[in-house]
Amino acid sequence: MQPDLTLYFDVDSQIGLSRIEKNKEREVNRLDLEQLDMHRRVRSGYLKLAQENPDRIVTIDAARPLEEVITDALFIIKQRCLEK
């Protein structure tokens, strides 16, 4: 069984780690402490999955302002619901 839709919020690994460092309210976990190269490999794996499953996985550019990311996500969800 697979979900009908998966949203992948993609952000450059360097930007993601920078956001983690800036967010002092967020609890740091063991993955946050991994080297940049590991984060890049994980991101690459997710991008490959999205490329291999374009009907199910939609990639959203999460490097943009939060409001734009939310707008895109809601649009994609609404669009998919209307198709079903």
N, C-alpha and C. Protein backbone atom coordinates (compact mmCIF):
# COMPACT_ATOMS: atom_id res chain seq x y z
N MET A 1 0.84 -1.16 0.00
CA MET A 1 0.00 0.00 0.00
C MET A 1 0.90 1.24 0.00
N GLN A 2 0.52 2.24 -0.82
CA GLN A 2 1.27 3.49 -0.90
C GLN A 2 0.30 4.66 -0.82
N PRO A 3 0.78 5.79 -0.35
CA PRO A 3 -0.08 6.97 -0.33
C PRO A 3 -0.34 7.45 -1.75
N ASP A 4 -1.47 8.12 -1.95
CA ASP A 4 -1.78 8.70 -3.26
C ASP A 4 -0.87 9.88 -3.57
N LEU A 5 -0.45 10.57 -2.52
CA LEU A 5 0.35 11.77 -2.71
C LEU A 5 1.37 11.91 -1.59
N THR A 6 2.59 12.20 -1.97
CA THR A 6 3.64 12.52 -1.01
C THR A 6 4.24 13.85 -1.42
N LEU A 7 4.28 14.79 -0.49
CA LEU A 7 4.92 16.08 -0.76
C LEU A 7 6.33 16.01 -0.21
N TYR A 8 7.29 16.28 -1.07
CA TYR A 8 8.69 16.32 -0.65
C TYR A 8 9.12 17.79 -0.64
N PHE A 9 9.38 18.31 0.53
CA PHE A 9 9.80 19.70 0.69
C PHE A 9 11.32 19.74 0.56
N ASP A 10 11.79 20.12 -0.61
CA ASP A 10 13.22 20.08 -0.93
C ASP A 10 13.90 21.39 -0.60
N VAL A 11 15.04 21.28 0.06
CA VAL A 11 15.87 22.45 0.35
C VAL A 11 17.33 22.00 0.30
N ASP A 12 18.18 22.87 -0.22
CA ASP A 12 19.60 22.58 -0.24
C ASP A 12 20.06 22.21 1.17
N SER A 13 20.92 21.23 1.26
CA SER A 13 21.37 20.74 2.57
C SER A 13 22.01 21.83 3.41
N GLN A 14 22.78 22.69 2.79
CA GLN A 14 23.44 23.78 3.52
C GLN A 14 22.40 24.73 4.11
N ILE A 15 21.37 25.04 3.34
CA ILE A 15 20.30 25.92 3.83
C ILE A 15 19.56 25.25 4.98
N GLY A 16 19.26 23.97 4.83
CA GLY A 16 18.56 23.24 5.88
C GLY A 16 19.32 23.24 7.20
N LEU A 17 20.62 22.99 7.13
CA LEU A 17 21.43 22.99 8.35
C LEU A 17 21.51 24.39 8.95
N SER A 18 21.57 25.39 8.09
CA SER A 18 21.60 26.78 8.57
C SER A 18 20.31 27.12 9.30
N ARG A 19 19.19 26.65 8.77
CA ARG A 19 17.89 26.90 9.42
C ARG A 19 17.84 26.22 10.79
N ILE A 20 18.39 25.04 10.88
CA ILE A 20 18.41 24.32 12.16
C ILE A 20 19.21 25.11 13.19
N GLU A 21 20.36 25.61 12.77
CA GLU A 21 21.21 26.39 13.68
C GLU A 21 20.52 27.66 14.17
N LYS A 22 19.73 28.28 13.30
CA LYS A 22 19.07 29.54 13.65
C LYS A 22 17.87 29.34 14.57
N ASN A 23 17.25 28.17 14.51
CA ASN A 23 16.04 27.90 15.29
C ASN A 23 16.43 27.38 16.67
N LYS A 24 16.57 28.28 17.60
CA LYS A 24 17.02 27.92 18.96
C LYS A 24 15.94 27.20 19.77
N GLU A 25 14.68 27.29 19.34
CA GLU A 25 13.58 26.65 20.07
C GLU A 25 13.46 25.17 19.72
N ARG A 26 14.05 24.77 18.60
CA ARG A 26 13.96 23.39 18.13
C ARG A 26 15.01 22.54 18.83
N GLU A 27 14.60 21.36 19.25
CA GLU A 27 15.52 20.42 19.88
C GLU A 27 16.41 19.78 18.81
N VAL A 28 17.70 19.77 19.02
CA VAL A 28 18.65 19.18 18.09
C VAL A 28 18.64 17.66 18.28
N ASN A 29 18.60 16.92 17.15
CA ASN A 29 18.65 15.46 17.24
C ASN A 29 19.94 14.94 16.60
N ARG A 30 20.15 13.66 16.66
CA ARG A 30 21.42 13.08 16.19
C ARG A 30 21.64 13.31 14.70
N LEU A 31 20.57 13.35 13.90
CA LEU A 31 20.73 13.57 12.47
C LEU A 31 21.20 14.99 12.17
N ASP A 32 20.78 15.93 13.00
CA ASP A 32 21.22 17.32 12.83
C ASP A 32 22.72 17.45 12.98
N LEU A 33 23.32 16.55 13.72
CA LEU A 33 24.75 16.62 14.02
C LEU A 33 25.62 15.92 12.97
N GLU A 34 24.97 15.27 12.00
CA GLU A 34 25.72 14.58 10.94
C GLU A 34 26.41 15.60 10.02
N GLN A 35 27.43 15.13 9.33
CA GLN A 35 28.19 15.97 8.41
C GLN A 35 27.33 16.36 7.19
N LEU A 36 27.71 17.46 6.56
CA LEU A 36 26.99 17.98 5.40
C LEU A 36 26.89 16.93 4.29
N ASP A 37 27.93 16.16 4.07
CA ASP A 37 27.93 15.15 3.02
C ASP A 37 26.82 14.13 3.21
N MET A 38 26.57 13.72 4.44
CA MET A 38 25.49 12.77 4.71
C MET A 38 24.14 13.39 4.34
N HIS A 39 23.93 14.64 4.68
CA HIS A 39 22.68 15.32 4.35
C HIS A 39 22.51 15.44 2.84
N ARG A 40 23.60 15.67 2.14
CA ARG A 40 23.53 15.75 0.68
C ARG A 40 23.17 14.40 0.06
N ARG A 41 23.72 13.33 0.61
CA ARG A 41 23.39 11.98 0.10
C ARG A 41 21.92 11.64 0.34
N VAL A 42 21.42 11.99 1.51
CA VAL A 42 20.01 11.73 1.83
C VAL A 42 19.11 12.53 0.88
N ARG A 43 19.44 13.80 0.69
CA ARG A 43 18.65 14.65 -0.21
C ARG A 43 18.66 14.06 -1.62
N SER A 44 19.82 13.63 -2.08
CA SER A 44 19.94 13.04 -3.40
C SER A 44 19.04 11.81 -3.54
N GLY A 45 18.98 11.01 -2.49
CA GLY A 45 18.11 9.83 -2.51
C GLY A 45 16.64 10.19 -2.62
N TYR A 46 16.23 11.21 -1.88
CA TYR A 46 14.83 11.66 -1.96
C TYR A 46 14.51 12.24 -3.34
N LEU A 47 15.44 13.01 -3.91
CA LEU A 47 15.21 13.57 -5.24
C LEU A 47 15.09 12.46 -6.28
N LYS A 48 15.89 11.41 -6.12
CA LYS A 48 15.82 10.27 -7.04
C LYS A 48 14.46 9.58 -6.92
N LEU A 49 14.01 9.36 -5.70
CA LEU A 49 12.68 8.75 -5.49
C LEU A 49 11.59 9.59 -6.14
N ALA A 50 11.66 10.90 -5.97
CA ALA A 50 10.66 11.79 -6.55
C ALA A 50 10.69 11.71 -8.07
N GLN A 51 11.88 11.64 -8.64
CA GLN A 51 12.03 11.56 -10.08
C GLN A 51 11.48 10.23 -10.61
N GLU A 52 11.65 9.18 -9.86
CA GLU A 52 11.18 7.85 -10.27
C GLU A 52 9.68 7.67 -10.07
N ASN A 53 9.06 8.51 -9.25
CA ASN A 53 7.63 8.38 -8.92
C ASN A 53 6.91 9.71 -9.09
N PRO A 54 6.94 10.31 -10.28
CA PRO A 54 6.37 11.65 -10.45
C PRO A 54 4.85 11.73 -10.26
N ASP A 55 4.16 10.61 -10.43
CA ASP A 55 2.71 10.63 -10.23
C ASP A 55 2.33 10.66 -8.76
N ARG A 56 3.24 10.21 -7.90
CA ARG A 56 2.94 10.11 -6.48
C ARG A 56 3.69 11.12 -5.63
N ILE A 57 4.93 11.43 -5.99
CA ILE A 57 5.76 12.32 -5.18
C ILE A 57 5.92 13.66 -5.89
N VAL A 58 5.47 14.72 -5.25
CA VAL A 58 5.59 16.07 -5.80
C VAL A 58 6.63 16.82 -4.98
N THR A 59 7.60 17.39 -5.68
CA THR A 59 8.67 18.13 -5.02
C THR A 59 8.31 19.61 -4.95
N ILE A 60 8.44 20.17 -3.76
CA ILE A 60 8.18 21.59 -3.54
C ILE A 60 9.49 22.24 -3.14
N ASP A 61 9.80 23.36 -3.77
CA ASP A 61 11.02 24.11 -3.45
C ASP A 61 10.83 24.80 -2.11
N ALA A 62 11.41 24.23 -1.07
CA ALA A 62 11.23 24.75 0.29
C ALA A 62 12.28 25.79 0.67
N ALA A 63 13.08 26.22 -0.29
CA ALA A 63 14.06 27.28 -0.02
C ALA A 63 13.39 28.66 -0.10
N ARG A 64 12.19 28.69 -0.61
CA ARG A 64 11.45 29.95 -0.76
C ARG A 64 10.81 30.35 0.57
N PRO A 65 10.24 31.55 0.62
CA PRO A 65 9.55 31.98 1.85
C PRO A 65 8.43 31.00 2.23
N LEU A 66 8.23 30.85 3.53
CA LEU A 66 7.26 29.88 4.06
C LEU A 66 5.87 30.06 3.45
N GLU A 67 5.43 31.29 3.29
CA GLU A 67 4.09 31.55 2.75
C GLU A 67 3.94 30.96 1.35
N GLU A 68 4.98 31.09 0.52
CA GLU A 68 4.94 30.54 -0.83
C GLU A 68 4.91 29.02 -0.80
N VAL A 69 5.67 28.44 0.08
CA VAL A 69 5.71 26.98 0.20
C VAL A 69 4.34 26.45 0.63
N ILE A 70 3.73 27.10 1.60
CA ILE A 70 2.40 26.69 2.07
C ILE A 70 1.38 26.82 0.95
N THR A 71 1.42 27.93 0.22
CA THR A 71 0.49 28.15 -0.89
C THR A 71 0.62 27.03 -1.92
N ASP A 72 1.85 26.70 -2.29
CA ASP A 72 2.07 25.61 -3.26
C ASP A 72 1.55 24.28 -2.73
N ALA A 73 1.85 23.97 -1.49
CA ALA A 73 1.42 22.70 -0.91
C ALA A 73 -0.10 22.59 -0.91
N LEU A 74 -0.77 23.64 -0.47
CA LEU A 74 -2.23 23.61 -0.45
C LEU A 74 -2.81 23.47 -1.85
N PHE A 75 -2.23 24.16 -2.81
CA PHE A 75 -2.69 24.07 -4.19
C PHE A 75 -2.56 22.63 -4.71
N ILE A 76 -1.43 22.02 -4.47
CA ILE A 76 -1.19 20.65 -4.94
C ILE A 76 -2.16 19.67 -4.27
N ILE A 77 -2.38 19.83 -2.98
CA ILE A 77 -3.32 18.94 -2.27
C ILE A 77 -4.73 19.11 -2.80
N LYS A 78 -5.17 20.35 -2.97
CA LYS A 78 -6.52 20.61 -3.50
C LYS A 78 -6.67 20.04 -4.90
N GLN A 79 -5.66 20.27 -5.72
CA GLN A 79 -5.69 19.77 -7.09
C GLN A 79 -5.80 18.25 -7.11
N ARG A 80 -5.04 17.57 -6.28
CA ARG A 80 -5.07 16.11 -6.24
C ARG A 80 -6.42 15.60 -5.74
N CYS A 81 -7.00 16.30 -4.76
CA CYS A 81 -8.31 15.90 -4.24
C CYS A 81 -9.39 16.03 -5.30
N LEU A 82 -9.29 17.05 -6.13
CA LEU A 82 -10.27 17.24 -7.19
C LEU A 82 -10.15 16.17 -8.27
N GLU A 83 -8.97 15.62 -8.44
CA GLU A 83 -8.75 14.57 -9.43
C GLU A 83 -9.33 13.24 -8.99
N LYS A 84 -9.47 13.02 -7.69
CA LYS A 84 -9.92 11.73 -7.17
C LYS A 84 -11.41 11.61 -7.15
